[in-house]
Amino acid sequence: MWRILVFLAVGVTIGAVVKFGERQKKWVGRLQQIGVVLLLFSMGLSIGLNEEILGNLRSLGMQAFTYAALTSVFSILVVYGLSRVLVREVRHK
């Protein structure tokens, strides 16, 4: 974990200190895309090799769907409630 944070800090420092031109920024963007694709590929590969995850895929998917649905519903309810309260306060001022 520390290694990841060190690499992140080094990247932020280099990005803040070194002024890159548009060409270098484009090159760095492509490197980032390649890195993300490789990361996603390796994560998919490790999931595909894990028989326990593959065996529980249906229940894991249902849990993920339930979590996402409930989070969305409660977020909408909270925003609706807060907007009604805040709009009422603005009207009374």
PDB file of N, CA and C in Angstrom:
ATOM      1  N   MET A   1       0.825  -1.197   0.000  1.00  0.00           N
ATOM      2  CA  MET A   1       0.000   0.000   0.000  1.00  0.00           C
ATOM      3  C   MET A   1       0.867   1.258   0.000  1.00  0.00           C
ATOM      4  N   TRP A   2       1.934   1.229   0.790  1.00  0.00           N
ATOM      5  CA  TRP A   2       2.811   2.389   0.850  1.00  0.00           C
ATOM      6  C   TRP A   2       3.467   2.661  -0.494  1.00  0.00           C
ATOM      7  N   ARG A   3       3.779   1.586  -1.211  1.00  0.00           N
ATOM      8  CA  ARG A   3       4.418   1.740  -2.516  1.00  0.00           C
ATOM      9  C   ARG A   3       3.493   2.514  -3.463  1.00  0.00           C
ATOM     10  N   ILE A   4       2.219   2.195  -3.417  1.00  0.00           N
ATOM     11  CA  ILE A   4       1.252   2.881  -4.281  1.00  0.00           C
ATOM     12  C   ILE A   4       1.189   4.367  -3.934  1.00  0.00           C
ATOM     13  N   LEU A   5       1.133   4.674  -2.644  1.00  0.00           N
ATOM     14  CA  LEU A   5       1.068   6.074  -2.225  1.00  0.00           C
ATOM     15  C   LEU A   5       2.335   6.833  -2.590  1.00  0.00           C
ATOM     16  N   VAL A   6       3.482   6.167  -2.491  1.00  0.00           N
ATOM     17  CA  VAL A   6       4.745   6.815  -2.863  1.00  0.00           C
ATOM     18  C   VAL A   6       4.751   7.129  -4.354  1.00  0.00           C
ATOM     19  N   PHE A   7       4.352   6.160  -5.186  1.00  0.00           N
ATOM     20  CA  PHE A   7       4.308   6.406  -6.624  1.00  0.00           C
ATOM     21  C   PHE A   7       3.321   7.520  -6.959  1.00  0.00           C
ATOM     22  N   LEU A   8       2.192   7.553  -6.286  1.00  0.00           N
ATOM     23  CA  LEU A   8       1.211   8.612  -6.502  1.00  0.00           C
ATOM     24  C   LEU A   8       1.804   9.970  -6.141  1.00  0.00           C
ATOM     25  N   ALA A   9       2.475  10.044  -4.993  1.00  0.00           N
ATOM     26  CA  ALA A   9       3.083  11.300  -4.552  1.00  0.00           C
ATOM     27  C   ALA A   9       4.175  11.752  -5.513  1.00  0.00           C
ATOM     28  N   VAL A  10       4.975  10.814  -6.007  1.00  0.00           N
ATOM     29  CA  VAL A  10       6.024  11.166  -6.969  1.00  0.00           C
ATOM     30  C   VAL A  10       5.400  11.712  -8.251  1.00  0.00           C
ATOM     31  N   GLY A  11       4.337  11.075  -8.724  1.00  0.00           N
ATOM     32  CA  GLY A  11       3.663  11.552  -9.928  1.00  0.00           C
ATOM     33  C   GLY A  11       3.074  12.937  -9.751  1.00  0.00           C
ATOM     34  N   VAL A  12       2.452  13.178  -8.612  1.00  0.00           N
ATOM     35  CA  VAL A  12       1.879  14.504  -8.342  1.00  0.00           C
ATOM     36  C   VAL A  12       2.983  15.551  -8.289  1.00  0.00           C
ATOM     37  N   THR A  13       4.094  15.213  -7.649  1.00  0.00           N
ATOM     38  CA  THR A  13       5.213  16.148  -7.544  1.00  0.00           C
ATOM     39  C   THR A  13       5.782  16.475  -8.918  1.00  0.00           C
ATOM     40  N   ILE A  14       6.002  15.452  -9.730  1.00  0.00           N
ATOM     41  CA  ILE A  14       6.524  15.689 -11.079  1.00  0.00           C
ATOM     42  C   ILE A  14       5.537  16.529 -11.885  1.00  0.00           C
ATOM     43  N   GLY A  15       4.254  16.212 -11.783  1.00  0.00           N
ATOM     44  CA  GLY A  15       3.247  16.979 -12.511  1.00  0.00           C
ATOM     45  C   GLY A  15       3.179  18.430 -12.076  1.00  0.00           C
ATOM     46  N   ALA A  16       3.436  18.691 -10.801  1.00  0.00           N
ATOM     47  CA  ALA A  16       3.369  20.061 -10.292  1.00  0.00           C
ATOM     48  C   ALA A  16       4.631  20.854 -10.615  1.00  0.00           C
ATOM     49  N   VAL A  17       5.782  20.180 -10.644  1.00  0.00           N
ATOM     50  CA  VAL A  17       7.058  20.870 -10.831  1.00  0.00           C
ATOM     51  C   VAL A  17       7.401  21.036 -12.312  1.00  0.00           C
ATOM     52  N   VAL A  18       7.256  19.962 -13.080  1.00  0.00           N
ATOM     53  CA  VAL A  18       7.639  19.987 -14.493  1.00  0.00           C
ATOM     54  C   VAL A  18       6.462  20.513 -15.318  1.00  0.00           C
ATOM     55  N   LYS A  19       6.740  21.473 -16.157  1.00  0.00           N
ATOM     56  CA  LYS A  19       5.701  22.034 -17.023  1.00  0.00           C
ATOM     57  C   LYS A  19       5.746  21.308 -18.367  1.00  0.00           C
ATOM     58  N   PHE A  20       4.720  20.507 -18.617  1.00  0.00           N
ATOM     59  CA  PHE A  20       4.643  19.738 -19.846  1.00  0.00           C
ATOM     60  C   PHE A  20       3.937  20.547 -20.925  1.00  0.00           C
ATOM     61  N   GLY A  21       4.377  20.359 -22.162  1.00  0.00           N
ATOM     62  CA  GLY A  21       3.708  20.969 -23.305  1.00  0.00           C
ATOM     63  C   GLY A  21       2.503  20.129 -23.704  1.00  0.00           C
ATOM     64  N   GLU A  22       1.769  20.613 -24.692  1.00  0.00           N
ATOM     65  CA  GLU A  22       0.565  19.896 -25.140  1.00  0.00           C
ATOM     66  C   GLU A  22       0.904  18.509 -25.676  1.00  0.00           C
ATOM     67  N   ARG A  23       2.019  18.395 -26.376  1.00  0.00           N
ATOM     68  CA  ARG A  23       2.417  17.101 -26.938  1.00  0.00           C
ATOM     69  C   ARG A  23       2.708  16.099 -25.822  1.00  0.00           C
ATOM     70  N   GLN A  24       3.408  16.531 -24.783  1.00  0.00           N
ATOM     71  CA  GLN A  24       3.722  15.649 -23.663  1.00  0.00           C
ATOM     72  C   GLN A  24       2.463  15.277 -22.884  1.00  0.00           C
ATOM     73  N   LYS A  25       1.545  16.229 -22.739  1.00  0.00           N
ATOM     74  CA  LYS A  25       0.292  15.936 -22.038  1.00  0.00           C
ATOM     75  C   LYS A  25      -0.513  14.887 -22.787  1.00  0.00           C
ATOM     76  N   LYS A  26      -0.518  14.973 -24.112  1.00  0.00           N
ATOM     77  CA  LYS A  26      -1.220  13.988 -24.923  1.00  0.00           C
ATOM     78  C   LYS A  26      -0.582  12.610 -24.741  1.00  0.00           C
ATOM     79  N   TRP A  27       0.740  12.567 -24.705  1.00  0.00           N
ATOM     80  CA  TRP A  27       1.479  11.317 -24.519  1.00  0.00           C
ATOM     81  C   TRP A  27       1.189  10.716 -23.141  1.00  0.00           C
ATOM     82  N   VAL A  28       1.179  11.575 -22.113  1.00  0.00           N
ATOM     83  CA  VAL A  28       0.874  11.111 -20.755  1.00  0.00           C
ATOM     84  C   VAL A  28      -0.553  10.583 -20.689  1.00  0.00           C
ATOM     85  N   GLY A  29      -1.484  11.233 -21.365  1.00  0.00           N
ATOM     86  CA  GLY A  29      -2.867  10.762 -21.407  1.00  0.00           C
ATOM     87  C   GLY A  29      -2.981   9.380 -22.026  1.00  0.00           C
ATOM     88  N   ARG A  30      -2.237   9.156 -23.096  1.00  0.00           N
ATOM     89  CA  ARG A  30      -2.246   7.827 -23.717  1.00  0.00           C
ATOM     90  C   ARG A  30      -1.664   6.779 -22.780  1.00  0.00           C
ATOM     91  N   LEU A  31      -0.577   7.134 -22.081  1.00  0.00           N
ATOM     92  CA  LEU A  31       0.004   6.203 -21.104  1.00  0.00           C
ATOM     93  C   LEU A  31      -1.000   5.865 -20.004  1.00  0.00           C
ATOM     94  N   GLN A  32      -1.754   6.857 -19.568  1.00  0.00           N
ATOM     95  CA  GLN A  32      -2.774   6.617 -18.550  1.00  0.00           C
ATOM     96  C   GLN A  32      -3.835   5.654 -19.062  1.00  0.00           C
ATOM     97  N   GLN A  33      -4.272   5.840 -20.286  1.00  0.00           N
ATOM     98  CA  GLN A  33      -5.278   4.942 -20.860  1.00  0.00           C
ATOM     99  C   GLN A  33      -4.752   3.517 -20.951  1.00  0.00           C
ATOM    100  N   ILE A  34      -3.515   3.366 -21.384  1.00  0.00           N
ATOM    101  CA  ILE A  34      -2.915   2.034 -21.467  1.00  0.00           C
ATOM    102  C   ILE A  34      -2.834   1.413 -20.077  1.00  0.00           C
ATOM    103  N   GLY A  35      -2.432   2.218 -19.090  1.00  0.00           N
ATOM    104  CA  GLY A  35      -2.349   1.716 -17.718  1.00  0.00           C
ATOM    105  C   GLY A  35      -3.697   1.265 -17.179  1.00  0.00           C
ATOM    106  N   VAL A  36      -4.739   2.034 -17.457  1.00  0.00           N
ATOM    107  CA  VAL A  36      -6.084   1.669 -16.992  1.00  0.00           C
ATOM    108  C   VAL A  36      -6.558   0.391 -17.671  1.00  0.00           C
ATOM    109  N   VAL A  37      -6.307   0.270 -18.975  1.00  0.00           N
ATOM    110  CA  VAL A  37      -6.711  -0.938 -19.698  1.00  0.00           C
ATOM    111  C   VAL A  37      -5.988  -2.158 -19.139  1.00  0.00           C
ATOM    112  N   LEU A  38      -4.687  -2.032 -18.889  1.00  0.00           N
ATOM    113  CA  LEU A  38      -3.929  -3.155 -18.317  1.00  0.00           C
ATOM    114  C   LEU A  38      -4.422  -3.504 -16.914  1.00  0.00           C
ATOM    115  N   LEU A  39      -4.749  -2.490 -16.128  1.00  0.00           N
ATOM    116  CA  LEU A  39      -5.276  -2.728 -14.787  1.00  0.00           C
ATOM    117  C   LEU A  39      -6.606  -3.460 -14.845  1.00  0.00           C
ATOM    118  N   LEU A  40      -7.511  -3.019 -15.708  1.00  0.00           N
ATOM    119  CA  LEU A  40      -8.808  -3.688 -15.849  1.00  0.00           C
ATOM    120  C   LEU A  40      -8.640  -5.116 -16.345  1.00  0.00           C
ATOM    121  N   PHE A  41      -7.730  -5.321 -17.292  1.00  0.00           N
ATOM    122  CA  PHE A  41      -7.474  -6.665 -17.803  1.00  0.00           C
ATOM    123  C   PHE A  41      -6.961  -7.576 -16.695  1.00  0.00           C
ATOM    124  N   SER A  42      -6.001  -7.090 -15.912  1.00  0.00           N
ATOM    125  CA  SER A  42      -5.447  -7.932 -14.847  1.00  0.00           C
ATOM    126  C   SER A  42      -6.479  -8.211 -13.760  1.00  0.00           C
ATOM    127  N   MET A  43      -7.339  -7.238 -13.461  1.00  0.00           N
ATOM    128  CA  MET A  43      -8.394  -7.478 -12.479  1.00  0.00           C
ATOM    129  C   MET A  43      -9.389  -8.505 -12.997  1.00  0.00           C
ATOM    130  N   GLY A  44      -9.773  -8.388 -14.259  1.00  0.00           N
ATOM    131  CA  GLY A  44     -10.681  -9.367 -14.859  1.00  0.00           C
ATOM    132  C   GLY A  44     -10.073 -10.752 -14.887  1.00  0.00           C
ATOM    133  N   LEU A  45      -8.792 -10.824 -15.180  1.00  0.00           N
ATOM    134  CA  LEU A  45      -8.098 -12.108 -15.204  1.00  0.00           C
ATOM    135  C   LEU A  45      -8.084 -12.747 -13.821  1.00  0.00           C
ATOM    136  N   SER A  46      -7.793 -11.953 -12.793  1.00  0.00           N
ATOM    137  CA  SER A  46      -7.760 -12.520 -11.442  1.00  0.00           C
ATOM    138  C   SER A  46      -9.153 -12.945 -10.983  1.00  0.00           C
ATOM    139  N   ILE A  47     -10.186 -12.220 -11.383  1.00  0.00           N
ATOM    140  CA  ILE A  47     -11.558 -12.631 -11.052  1.00  0.00           C
ATOM    141  C   ILE A  47     -11.912 -13.906 -11.795  1.00  0.00           C
ATOM    142  N   GLY A  48     -11.540 -13.977 -13.065  1.00  0.00           N
ATOM    143  CA  GLY A  48     -11.836 -15.162 -13.864  1.00  0.00           C
ATOM    144  C   GLY A  48     -11.133 -16.409 -13.365  1.00  0.00           C
ATOM    145  N   LEU A  49      -9.972 -16.241 -12.766  1.00  0.00           N
ATOM    146  CA  LEU A  49      -9.227 -17.382 -12.241  1.00  0.00           C
ATOM    147  C   LEU A  49      -9.714 -17.819 -10.862  1.00  0.00           C
ATOM    148  N   ASN A  50     -10.480 -16.980 -10.191  1.00  0.00           N
ATOM    149  CA  ASN A  50     -10.954 -17.279  -8.845  1.00  0.00           C
ATOM    150  C   ASN A  50     -12.278 -18.037  -8.934  1.00  0.00           C
ATOM    151  N   GLU A  51     -12.229 -19.332  -8.675  1.00  0.00           N
ATOM    152  CA  GLU A  51     -13.423 -20.173  -8.803  1.00  0.00           C
ATOM    153  C   GLU A  51     -14.489 -19.830  -7.770  1.00  0.00           C
ATOM    154  N   GLU A  52     -14.064 -19.368  -6.603  1.00  0.00           N
ATOM    155  CA  GLU A  52     -15.031 -19.005  -5.562  1.00  0.00           C
ATOM    156  C   GLU A  52     -15.894 -17.823  -6.012  1.00  0.00           C
ATOM    157  N   ILE A  53     -15.259 -16.834  -6.608  1.00  0.00           N
ATOM    158  CA  ILE A  53     -16.016 -15.676  -7.096  1.00  0.00           C
ATOM    159  C   ILE A  53     -16.947 -16.090  -8.226  1.00  0.00           C
ATOM    160  N   LEU A  54     -16.438 -16.893  -9.148  1.00  0.00           N
ATOM    161  CA  LEU A  54     -17.281 -17.332 -10.264  1.00  0.00           C
ATOM    162  C   LEU A  54     -18.468 -18.150  -9.778  1.00  0.00           C
ATOM    163  N   GLY A  55     -18.262 -18.960  -8.732  1.00  0.00           N
ATOM    164  CA  GLY A  55     -19.354 -19.756  -8.188  1.00  0.00           C
ATOM    165  C   GLY A  55     -20.412 -18.914  -7.500  1.00  0.00           C
ATOM    166  N   ASN A  56     -20.009 -17.792  -6.948  1.00  0.00           N
ATOM    167  CA  ASN A  56     -20.933 -16.913  -6.223  1.00  0.00           C
ATOM    168  C   ASN A  56     -21.362 -15.708  -7.052  1.00  0.00           C
ATOM    169  N   LEU A  57     -21.124 -15.751  -8.351  1.00  0.00           N
ATOM    170  CA  LEU A  57     -21.375 -14.588  -9.194  1.00  0.00           C
ATOM    171  C   LEU A  57     -22.836 -14.138  -9.166  1.00  0.00           C
ATOM    172  N   ARG A  58     -23.757 -15.083  -9.149  1.00  0.00           N
ATOM    173  CA  ARG A  58     -25.179 -14.725  -9.143  1.00  0.00           C
ATOM    174  C   ARG A  58     -25.545 -13.986  -7.854  1.00  0.00           C
ATOM    175  N   SER A  59     -25.135 -14.519  -6.704  1.00  0.00           N
ATOM    176  CA  SER A  59     -25.490 -13.855  -5.442  1.00  0.00           C
ATOM    177  C   SER A  59     -24.738 -12.534  -5.294  1.00  0.00           C
ATOM    178  N   LEU A  60     -23.490 -12.478  -5.758  1.00  0.00           N
ATOM    179  CA  LEU A  60     -22.746 -11.222  -5.695  1.00  0.00           C
ATOM    180  C   LEU A  60     -23.398 -10.161  -6.573  1.00  0.00           C
ATOM    181  N   GLY A  61     -23.859 -10.569  -7.748  1.00  0.00           N
ATOM    182  CA  GLY A  61     -24.541  -9.631  -8.642  1.00  0.00           C
ATOM    183  C   GLY A  61     -25.831  -9.116  -8.034  1.00  0.00           C
ATOM    184  N   MET A  62     -26.567 -10.007  -7.381  1.00  0.00           N
ATOM    185  CA  MET A  62     -27.824  -9.598  -6.750  1.00  0.00           C
ATOM    186  C   MET A  62     -27.560  -8.647  -5.585  1.00  0.00           C
ATOM    187  N   GLN A  63     -26.516  -8.932  -4.805  1.00  0.00           N
ATOM    188  CA  GLN A  63     -26.158  -8.033  -3.708  1.00  0.00           C
ATOM    189  C   GLN A  63     -25.754  -6.662  -4.246  1.00  0.00           C
ATOM    190  N   ALA A  64     -24.965  -6.651  -5.310  1.00  0.00           N
ATOM    191  CA  ALA A  64     -24.531  -5.380  -5.897  1.00  0.00           C
ATOM    192  C   ALA A  64     -25.723  -4.595  -6.432  1.00  0.00           C
ATOM    193  N   PHE A  65     -26.650  -5.291  -7.099  1.00  0.00           N
ATOM    194  CA  PHE A  65     -27.840  -4.625  -7.629  1.00  0.00           C
ATOM    195  C   PHE A  65     -28.681  -4.044  -6.494  1.00  0.00           C
ATOM    196  N   THR A  66     -28.886  -4.830  -5.436  1.00  0.00           N
ATOM    197  CA  THR A  66     -29.680  -4.367  -4.296  1.00  0.00           C
ATOM    198  C   THR A  66     -29.043  -3.142  -3.656  1.00  0.00           C
ATOM    199  N   TYR A  67     -27.740  -3.197  -3.455  1.00  0.00           N
ATOM    200  CA  TYR A  67     -27.023  -2.074  -2.857  1.00  0.00           C
ATOM    201  C   TYR A  67     -27.157  -0.828  -3.737  1.00  0.00           C
ATOM    202  N   ALA A  68     -26.950  -0.984  -5.036  1.00  0.00           N
ATOM    203  CA  ALA A  68     -27.042   0.162  -5.952  1.00  0.00           C
ATOM    204  C   ALA A  68     -28.458   0.726  -5.984  1.00  0.00           C
ATOM    205  N   ALA A  69     -29.456  -0.144  -6.028  1.00  0.00           N
ATOM    206  CA  ALA A  69     -30.846   0.312  -6.090  1.00  0.00           C
ATOM    207  C   ALA A  69     -31.236   1.051  -4.813  1.00  0.00           C
ATOM    208  N   LEU A  70     -30.906   0.473  -3.661  1.00  0.00           N
ATOM    209  CA  LEU A  70     -31.260   1.127  -2.397  1.00  0.00           C
ATOM    210  C   LEU A  70     -30.527   2.453  -2.228  1.00  0.00           C
ATOM    211  N   THR A  71     -29.267   2.486  -2.609  1.00  0.00           N
ATOM    212  CA  THR A  71     -28.506   3.728  -2.523  1.00  0.00           C
ATOM    213  C   THR A  71     -29.136   4.802  -3.397  1.00  0.00           C
ATOM    214  N   SER A  72     -29.535   4.435  -4.599  1.00  0.00           N
ATOM    215  CA  SER A  72     -30.162   5.402  -5.507  1.00  0.00           C
ATOM    216  C   SER A  72     -31.494   5.893  -4.959  1.00  0.00           C
ATOM    217  N   VAL A  73     -32.322   4.981  -4.483  1.00  0.00           N
ATOM    218  CA  VAL A  73     -33.636   5.359  -3.964  1.00  0.00           C
ATOM    219  C   VAL A  73     -33.497   6.293  -2.769  1.00  0.00           C
ATOM    220  N   PHE A  74     -32.627   5.942  -1.817  1.00  0.00           N
ATOM    221  CA  PHE A  74     -32.491   6.790  -0.635  1.00  0.00           C
ATOM    222  C   PHE A  74     -31.832   8.126  -0.971  1.00  0.00           C
ATOM    223  N   SER A  75     -30.928   8.153  -1.936  1.00  0.00           N
ATOM    224  CA  SER A  75     -30.340   9.423  -2.366  1.00  0.00           C
ATOM    225  C   SER A  75     -31.411  10.331  -2.954  1.00  0.00           C
ATOM    226  N   ILE A  76     -32.262   9.773  -3.782  1.00  0.00           N
ATOM    227  CA  ILE A  76     -33.351  10.557  -4.381  1.00  0.00           C
ATOM    228  C   ILE A  76     -34.292  11.080  -3.300  1.00  0.00           C
ATOM    229  N   LEU A  77     -34.625  10.232  -2.326  1.00  0.00           N
ATOM    230  CA  LEU A  77     -35.517  10.665  -1.248  1.00  0.00           C
ATOM    231  C   LEU A  77     -34.900  11.782  -0.413  1.00  0.00           C
ATOM    232  N   VAL A  78     -33.615  11.666  -0.106  1.00  0.00           N
ATOM    233  CA  VAL A  78     -32.950  12.701   0.688  1.00  0.00           C
ATOM    234  C   VAL A  78     -32.892  14.012  -0.094  1.00  0.00           C
ATOM    235  N   VAL A  79     -32.527  13.949  -1.363  1.00  0.00           N
ATOM    236  CA  VAL A  79     -32.466  15.164  -2.179  1.00  0.00           C
ATOM    237  C   VAL A  79     -33.852  15.787  -2.303  1.00  0.00           C
ATOM    238  N   TYR A  80     -34.872  14.979  -2.509  1.00  0.00           N
ATOM    239  CA  TYR A  80     -36.241  15.491  -2.612  1.00  0.00           C
ATOM    240  C   TYR A  80     -36.645  16.184  -1.311  1.00  0.00           C
ATOM    241  N   GLY A  81     -36.393  15.524  -0.190  1.00  0.00           N
ATOM    242  CA  GLY A  81     -36.749  16.107   1.097  1.00  0.00           C
ATOM    243  C   GLY A  81     -35.999  17.395   1.379  1.00  0.00           C
ATOM    244  N   LEU A  82     -34.700  17.394   1.133  1.00  0.00           N
ATOM    245  CA  LEU A  82     -33.910  18.601   1.370  1.00  0.00           C
ATOM    246  C   LEU A  82     -34.317  19.734   0.437  1.00  0.00           C
ATOM    247  N   SER A  83     -34.611  19.412  -0.805  1.00  0.00           N
ATOM    248  CA  SER A  83     -35.008  20.470  -1.736  1.00  0.00           C
ATOM    249  C   SER A  83     -36.340  21.086  -1.325  1.00  0.00           C
ATOM    250  N   ARG A  84     -37.256  20.288  -0.819  1.00  0.00           N
ATOM    251  CA  ARG A  84     -38.538  20.843  -0.360  1.00  0.00           C
ATOM    252  C   ARG A  84     -38.317  21.764   0.836  1.00  0.00           C
ATOM    253  N   VAL A  85     -37.459  21.359   1.769  1.00  0.00           N
ATOM    254  CA  VAL A  85     -37.191  22.184   2.950  1.00  0.00           C
ATOM    255  C   VAL A  85     -36.471  23.464   2.551  1.00  0.00           C
ATOM    256  N   LEU A  86     -35.455  23.353   1.714  1.00  0.00           N
ATOM    257  CA  LEU A  86     -34.675  24.531   1.337  1.00  0.00           C
ATOM    258  C   LEU A  86     -35.476  25.495   0.476  1.00  0.00           C
ATOM    259  N   VAL A  87     -36.305  24.982  -0.413  1.00  0.00           N
ATOM    260  CA  VAL A  87     -37.143  25.857  -1.243  1.00  0.00           C
ATOM    261  C   VAL A  87     -38.149  26.581  -0.363  1.00  0.00           C
ATOM    262  N   ARG A  88     -38.696  25.903   0.626  1.00  0.00           N
ATOM    263  CA  ARG A  88     -39.649  26.528   1.546  1.00  0.00           C
ATOM    264  C   ARG A  88     -38.962  27.652   2.321  1.00  0.00           C
ATOM    265  N   GLU A  89     -37.708  27.432   2.762  1.00  0.00           N
ATOM    266  CA  GLU A  89     -36.984  28.467   3.497  1.00  0.00           C
ATOM    267  C   GLU A  89     -36.694  29.673   2.614  1.00  0.00           C
ATOM    268  N   VAL A  90     -36.367  29.443   1.352  1.00  0.00           N
ATOM    269  CA  VAL A  90     -36.074  30.549   0.438  1.00  0.00           C
ATOM    270  C   VAL A  90     -37.334  31.360   0.167  1.00  0.00           C
ATOM    271  N   ARG A  91     -38.482  30.708   0.042  1.00  0.00           N
ATOM    272  CA  ARG A  91     -39.741  31.415  -0.223  1.00  0.00           C
ATOM    273  C   ARG A  91     -40.154  32.296   0.948  1.00  0.00           C
ATOM    274  N   HIS A  92     -39.825  31.874   2.180  1.00  0.00           N
ATOM    275  CA  HIS A  92     -40.235  32.633   3.358  1.00  0.00           C
ATOM    276  C   HIS A  92     -39.309  33.804   3.651  1.00  0.00           C
ATOM    277  N   LYS A  93     -38.202  33.906   2.989  1.00  0.00           N
ATOM    278  CA  LYS A  93     -37.276  35.025   3.251  1.00  0.00           C
ATOM    279  C   LYS A  93     -37.658  36.255   2.538  1.00  0.00           C
TER     280      LYS A  93
END
